[in-house]
Amino acid sequence: MESPCVKICTYDPASGLCLGCGRTLGEIAGWASFTDAERRRIMEALPARLAGLRTDPE
């Protein structure tokens, strides 16, 4: 099963996302039980999520 985990498991409380992979805690916890379509939908959203986390607001 494909996983976006990059072994940088740091949770950002402001965004609710993992700074390594961009998933929420609920997505991480439920990953193994999600359907392929659910995992694919999440995987497609991750690049934009991570880009938003790495953008300096100043």
PDB file of N, CA and C in Angstrom:
ATOM      1  N   MET A   1       0.846  -1.182   0.000  1.00  0.00           N
ATOM      2  CA  MET A   1       0.000   0.000   0.000  1.00  0.00           C
ATOM      3  C   MET A   1       0.886   1.238   0.000  1.00  0.00           C
ATOM      4  N   GLU A   2       0.610   2.128  -0.915  1.00  0.00           N
ATOM      5  CA  GLU A   2       1.369   3.374  -1.005  1.00  0.00           C
ATOM      6  C   GLU A   2       1.038   4.274   0.181  1.00  0.00           C
ATOM      7  N   SER A   3       2.062   4.903   0.725  1.00  0.00           N
ATOM      8  CA  SER A   3       1.880   5.832   1.835  1.00  0.00           C
ATOM      9  C   SER A   3       2.733   7.066   1.585  1.00  0.00           C
ATOM     10  N   PRO A   4       2.223   8.242   1.932  1.00  0.00           N
ATOM     11  CA  PRO A   4       3.000   9.459   1.754  1.00  0.00           C
ATOM     12  C   PRO A   4       3.979   9.725   2.901  1.00  0.00           C
ATOM     13  N   CYS A   5       4.030   8.838   3.873  1.00  0.00           N
ATOM     14  CA  CYS A   5       4.885   9.049   5.038  1.00  0.00           C
ATOM     15  C   CYS A   5       6.348   9.175   4.619  1.00  0.00           C
ATOM     16  N   VAL A   6       7.014  10.216   5.139  1.00  0.00           N
ATOM     17  CA  VAL A   6       8.429  10.434   4.872  1.00  0.00           C
ATOM     18  C   VAL A   6       9.251  10.372   6.158  1.00  0.00           C
ATOM     19  N   LYS A   7       8.640   9.808   7.194  1.00  0.00           N
ATOM     20  CA  LYS A   7       9.299   9.600   8.495  1.00  0.00           C
ATOM     21  C   LYS A   7       9.696  10.908   9.179  1.00  0.00           C
ATOM     22  N   ILE A   8       8.950  11.973   8.895  1.00  0.00           N
ATOM     23  CA  ILE A   8       9.120  13.246   9.601  1.00  0.00           C
ATOM     24  C   ILE A   8       7.786  13.528  10.275  1.00  0.00           C
ATOM     25  N   CYS A   9       7.555  12.875  11.374  1.00  0.00           N
ATOM     26  CA  CYS A   9       6.241  12.909  12.031  1.00  0.00           C
ATOM     27  C   CYS A   9       6.187  14.026  13.060  1.00  0.00           C
ATOM     28  N   THR A  10       5.934  15.225  12.577  1.00  0.00           N
ATOM     29  CA  THR A  10       5.810  16.397  13.423  1.00  0.00           C
ATOM     30  C   THR A  10       4.477  17.050  13.127  1.00  0.00           C
ATOM     31  N   TYR A  11       3.649  17.156  14.152  1.00  0.00           N
ATOM     32  CA  TYR A  11       2.296  17.679  14.006  1.00  0.00           C
ATOM     33  C   TYR A  11       2.293  19.183  14.211  1.00  0.00           C
ATOM     34  N   ASP A  12       1.659  19.896  13.299  1.00  0.00           N
ATOM     35  CA  ASP A  12       1.504  21.343  13.403  1.00  0.00           C
ATOM     36  C   ASP A  12       0.108  21.647  13.929  1.00  0.00           C
ATOM     37  N   PRO A  13      -0.025  22.047  15.194  1.00  0.00           N
ATOM     38  CA  PRO A  13      -1.361  22.280  15.758  1.00  0.00           C
ATOM     39  C   PRO A  13      -2.130  23.413  15.082  1.00  0.00           C
ATOM     40  N   ALA A  14      -1.438  24.376  14.509  1.00  0.00           N
ATOM     41  CA  ALA A  14      -2.129  25.488  13.852  1.00  0.00           C
ATOM     42  C   ALA A  14      -2.887  25.026  12.612  1.00  0.00           C
ATOM     43  N   SER A  15      -2.280  24.146  11.839  1.00  0.00           N
ATOM     44  CA  SER A  15      -2.923  23.684  10.607  1.00  0.00           C
ATOM     45  C   SER A  15      -3.629  22.347  10.787  1.00  0.00           C
ATOM     46  N   GLY A  16      -3.223  21.591  11.806  1.00  0.00           N
ATOM     47  CA  GLY A  16      -3.781  20.260  12.005  1.00  0.00           C
ATOM     48  C   GLY A  16      -3.164  19.214  11.095  1.00  0.00           C
ATOM     49  N   LEU A  17      -1.983  19.520  10.531  1.00  0.00           N
ATOM     50  CA  LEU A  17      -1.345  18.630   9.568  1.00  0.00           C
ATOM     51  C   LEU A  17       0.031  18.171  10.049  1.00  0.00           C
ATOM     52  N   CYS A  18       0.437  17.017   9.556  1.00  0.00           N
ATOM     53  CA  CYS A  18       1.795  16.536   9.759  1.00  0.00           C
ATOM     54  C   CYS A  18       2.708  17.345   8.846  1.00  0.00           C
ATOM     55  N   LEU A  19       3.795  17.861   9.384  1.00  0.00           N
ATOM     56  CA  LEU A  19       4.722  18.657   8.582  1.00  0.00           C
ATOM     57  C   LEU A  19       5.514  17.809   7.598  1.00  0.00           C
ATOM     58  N   GLY A  20       5.569  16.513   7.817  1.00  0.00           N
ATOM     59  CA  GLY A  20       6.291  15.625   6.914  1.00  0.00           C
ATOM     60  C   GLY A  20       5.479  15.231   5.697  1.00  0.00           C
ATOM     61  N   CYS A  21       4.245  14.767   5.938  1.00  0.00           N
ATOM     62  CA  CYS A  21       3.451  14.221   4.822  1.00  0.00           C
ATOM     63  C   CYS A  21       2.238  15.068   4.457  1.00  0.00           C
ATOM     64  N   GLY A  22       1.793  15.938   5.343  1.00  0.00           N
ATOM     65  CA  GLY A  22       0.659  16.798   5.043  1.00  0.00           C
ATOM     66  C   GLY A  22      -0.702  16.229   5.404  1.00  0.00           C
ATOM     67  N   ARG A  23      -0.716  15.039   6.021  1.00  0.00           N
ATOM     68  CA  ARG A  23      -2.002  14.442   6.396  1.00  0.00           C
ATOM     69  C   ARG A  23      -2.439  14.904   7.782  1.00  0.00           C
ATOM     70  N   THR A  24      -3.742  14.807   8.019  1.00  0.00           N
ATOM     71  CA  THR A  24      -4.283  15.071   9.349  1.00  0.00           C
ATOM     72  C   THR A  24      -4.040  13.840  10.227  1.00  0.00           C
ATOM     73  N   LEU A  25      -4.197  14.005  11.527  1.00  0.00           N
ATOM     74  CA  LEU A  25      -4.044  12.856  12.425  1.00  0.00           C
ATOM     75  C   LEU A  25      -5.075  11.780  12.106  1.00  0.00           C
ATOM     76  N   GLY A  26      -6.284  12.177  11.756  1.00  0.00           N
ATOM     77  CA  GLY A  26      -7.321  11.217  11.395  1.00  0.00           C
ATOM     78  C   GLY A  26      -6.976  10.441  10.137  1.00  0.00           C
ATOM     79  N   GLU A  27      -6.382  11.126   9.172  1.00  0.00           N
ATOM     80  CA  GLU A  27      -5.973  10.458   7.938  1.00  0.00           C
ATOM     81  C   GLU A  27      -4.839   9.476   8.196  1.00  0.00           C
ATOM     82  N   ILE A  28      -3.909   9.871   9.047  1.00  0.00           N
ATOM     83  CA  ILE A  28      -2.799   8.971   9.387  1.00  0.00           C
ATOM     84  C   ILE A  28      -3.334   7.734  10.101  1.00  0.00           C
ATOM     85  N   ALA A  29      -4.202   7.946  11.072  1.00  0.00           N
ATOM     86  CA  ALA A  29      -4.744   6.829  11.850  1.00  0.00           C
ATOM     87  C   ALA A  29      -5.588   5.891  11.000  1.00  0.00           C
ATOM     88  N   GLY A  30      -6.330   6.425  10.055  1.00  0.00           N
ATOM     89  CA  GLY A  30      -7.234   5.605   9.271  1.00  0.00           C
ATOM     90  C   GLY A  30      -6.678   5.109   7.953  1.00  0.00           C
ATOM     91  N   TRP A  31      -5.435   5.434   7.647  1.00  0.00           N
ATOM     92  CA  TRP A  31      -4.854   5.159   6.340  1.00  0.00           C
ATOM     93  C   TRP A  31      -5.050   3.712   5.893  1.00  0.00           C
ATOM     94  N   ALA A  32      -4.759   2.766   6.752  1.00  0.00           N
ATOM     95  CA  ALA A  32      -4.836   1.346   6.374  1.00  0.00           C
ATOM     96  C   ALA A  32      -6.266   0.898   6.076  1.00  0.00           C
ATOM     97  N   SER A  33      -7.243   1.577   6.636  1.00  0.00           N
ATOM     98  CA  SER A  33      -8.633   1.166   6.428  1.00  0.00           C
ATOM     99  C   SER A  33      -9.330   1.927   5.300  1.00  0.00           C
ATOM    100  N   PHE A  34      -8.686   2.950   4.753  1.00  0.00           N
ATOM    101  CA  PHE A  34      -9.289   3.712   3.663  1.00  0.00           C
ATOM    102  C   PHE A  34      -9.291   2.903   2.372  1.00  0.00           C
ATOM    103  N   THR A  35     -10.238   3.209   1.515  1.00  0.00           N
ATOM    104  CA  THR A  35     -10.271   2.583   0.192  1.00  0.00           C
ATOM    105  C   THR A  35      -9.163   3.196  -0.669  1.00  0.00           C
ATOM    106  N   ASP A  36      -8.867   2.547  -1.769  1.00  0.00           N
ATOM    107  CA  ASP A  36      -7.873   3.098  -2.695  1.00  0.00           C
ATOM    108  C   ASP A  36      -8.291   4.483  -3.167  1.00  0.00           C
ATOM    109  N   ALA A  37      -9.574   4.675  -3.424  1.00  0.00           N
ATOM    110  CA  ALA A  37     -10.067   5.978  -3.885  1.00  0.00           C
ATOM    111  C   ALA A  37      -9.870   7.047  -2.815  1.00  0.00           C
ATOM    112  N   GLU A  38     -10.115   6.710  -1.561  1.00  0.00           N
ATOM    113  CA  GLU A  38      -9.922   7.673  -0.476  1.00  0.00           C
ATOM    114  C   GLU A  38      -8.447   8.041  -0.337  1.00  0.00           C
ATOM    115  N   ARG A  39      -7.587   7.049  -0.384  1.00  0.00           N
ATOM    116  CA  ARG A  39      -6.146   7.322  -0.282  1.00  0.00           C
ATOM    117  C   ARG A  39      -5.673   8.162  -1.472  1.00  0.00           C
ATOM    118  N   ARG A  40      -6.164   7.859  -2.665  1.00  0.00           N
ATOM    119  CA  ARG A  40      -5.785   8.608  -3.866  1.00  0.00           C
ATOM    120  C   ARG A  40      -6.226  10.071  -3.740  1.00  0.00           C
ATOM    121  N   ARG A  41      -7.454  10.293  -3.251  1.00  0.00           N
ATOM    122  CA  ARG A  41      -7.955  11.662  -3.068  1.00  0.00           C
ATOM    123  C   ARG A  41      -7.064  12.438  -2.103  1.00  0.00           C
ATOM    124  N   ILE A  42      -6.676  11.799  -1.018  1.00  0.00           N
ATOM    125  CA  ILE A  42      -5.801  12.449  -0.034  1.00  0.00           C
ATOM    126  C   ILE A  42      -4.437  12.726  -0.655  1.00  0.00           C
ATOM    127  N   MET A  43      -3.879  11.734  -1.342  1.00  0.00           N
ATOM    128  CA  MET A  43      -2.559  11.890  -1.965  1.00  0.00           C
ATOM    129  C   MET A  43      -2.547  13.063  -2.942  1.00  0.00           C
ATOM    130  N   GLU A  44      -3.636  13.244  -3.683  1.00  0.00           N
ATOM    131  CA  GLU A  44      -3.723  14.348  -4.639  1.00  0.00           C
ATOM    132  C   GLU A  44      -3.754  15.709  -3.951  1.00  0.00           C
ATOM    133  N   ALA A  45      -4.269  15.764  -2.725  1.00  0.00           N
ATOM    134  CA  ALA A  45      -4.368  17.025  -1.993  1.00  0.00           C
ATOM    135  C   ALA A  45      -3.072  17.395  -1.269  1.00  0.00           C
ATOM    136  N   LEU A  46      -2.194  16.434  -1.050  1.00  0.00           N
ATOM    137  CA  LEU A  46      -1.013  16.672  -0.220  1.00  0.00           C
ATOM    138  C   LEU A  46      -0.045  17.724  -0.764  1.00  0.00           C
ATOM    139  N   PRO A  47       0.269  17.750  -2.041  1.00  0.00           N
ATOM    140  CA  PRO A  47       1.210  18.783  -2.505  1.00  0.00           C
ATOM    141  C   PRO A  47       0.749  20.211  -2.178  1.00  0.00           C
ATOM    142  N   ALA A  48      -0.516  20.485  -2.367  1.00  0.00           N
ATOM    143  CA  ALA A  48      -1.026  21.829  -2.062  1.00  0.00           C
ATOM    144  C   ALA A  48      -0.998  22.094  -0.561  1.00  0.00           C
ATOM    145  N   ARG A  49      -1.334  21.098   0.223  1.00  0.00           N
ATOM    146  CA  ARG A  49      -1.285  21.256   1.687  1.00  0.00           C
ATOM    147  C   ARG A  49       0.132  21.574   2.138  1.00  0.00           C
ATOM    148  N   LEU A  50       1.088  20.799   1.650  1.00  0.00           N
ATOM    149  CA  LEU A  50       2.475  21.001   2.056  1.00  0.00           C
ATOM    150  C   LEU A  50       3.010  22.335   1.567  1.00  0.00           C
ATOM    151  N   ALA A  51       2.631  22.742   0.384  1.00  0.00           N
ATOM    152  CA  ALA A  51       3.057  24.040  -0.127  1.00  0.00           C
ATOM    153  C   ALA A  51       2.542  25.158   0.768  1.00  0.00           C
ATOM    154  N   GLY A  52       1.314  25.025   1.242  1.00  0.00           N
ATOM    155  CA  GLY A  52       0.751  26.014   2.147  1.00  0.00           C
ATOM    156  C   GLY A  52       1.463  26.064   3.486  1.00  0.00           C
ATOM    157  N   LEU A  53       1.931  24.918   3.949  1.00  0.00           N
ATOM    158  CA  LEU A  53       2.654  24.867   5.222  1.00  0.00           C
ATOM    159  C   LEU A  53       4.025  25.498   5.113  1.00  0.00           C
ATOM    160  N   ARG A  54       4.625  25.412   3.960  1.00  0.00           N
ATOM    161  CA  ARG A  54       6.006  25.855   3.788  1.00  0.00           C
ATOM    162  C   ARG A  54       6.113  27.284   3.268  1.00  0.00           C
ATOM    163  N   THR A  55       4.970  27.941   3.106  1.00  0.00           N
ATOM    164  CA  THR A  55       4.974  29.318   2.628  1.00  0.00           C
ATOM    165  C   THR A  55       5.082  30.257   3.810  1.00  0.00           C
ATOM    166  N   ASP A  56       6.084  31.084   3.789  1.00  0.00           N
ATOM    167  CA  ASP A  56       6.271  32.078   4.851  1.00  0.00           C
ATOM    168  C   ASP A  56       5.313  33.237   4.617  1.00  0.00           C
ATOM    169  N   PRO A  57       4.437  33.539   5.585  1.00  0.00           N
ATOM    170  CA  PRO A  57       3.441  34.575   5.377  1.00  0.00           C
ATOM    171  C   PRO A  57       3.997  35.982   5.247  1.00  0.00           C
ATOM    172  N   GLU A  58       5.257  36.206   5.580  1.00  0.00           N
ATOM    173  CA  GLU A  58       5.805  37.564   5.514  1.00  0.00           C
ATOM    174  C   GLU A  58       6.352  37.888   4.166  1.00  0.00           C
TER     175      GLU A  58
END
